[in-house]
Amino acid sequence: MESVKTRKVESQENLPWELLLMADPSRKIVESYIDNSDVYLAKIGDKVVGVYVLTKINTATTELKNIAVDEKFQGKGIGKMLVLDAIKKAKEAGFKRIEVGTGNSSFSQLAIYQKCGFRIIGVDKDFFKKNYSEKIVENGIECRGMVRLSQDL
C-alpha cells in the first residue's frame, strides 16, 4: 500500500461529507462547528481515504472530532495514524491539551484513543439521546453516553 499523507483543507467547499457523516451522522451538528475548525484529509495518491477535524476549544485546548476512514481502507492502521497525526498537529499549533469524545458503544475507537495516550475523564450521560433524533446502535449496544477522553501535550 502506498503511504498515507495528511494535509489541511484550505477551502471548506470540497469537504468529504460522506466521511464526515460516517463519524457523526448529524450534518446539522457537524455544520455547527466545521467553519471554525481545521479539517485534515488523509490521502493515498489522489484518493481521500480518511478525515479528521480539530476544533479549538480555548487557547490551551483543542478537540479531535470526525475521525473517519473509508470502509475500503479500514483495518490497515490508518485510523490510529490519523489520531497520532492530530496529536502532532495540536502540539505544533501550541495547544497544551487535546480532547476527544466517542460513544459508549464505540469499542474499537475507545481502544485506539487509549493506545494513543488518551485517558478517560468522564461520560456525558445521555448525550446521544439528547442530541440525535435517530437511535444509534453499535456492536449491538445503544449509543447513549459520550465517553470523554483527554491527553496533556
Foldseek 3Di string as FASTA:
>chain_A
DADKDKDWDPDPPDDPVVQLCVQPVDPVVCVVFVVQWIKMFIDRVPDTFWIWIWHDPDPAEIEIGRTGGHPVPPPVCVSLVVVLVVVVVCVVSPHFKYKYKDFPQPVVVVVSCVVSPKDFDDKAFQPCVVPPPDFDDDPNHTGGIITMIMHGD
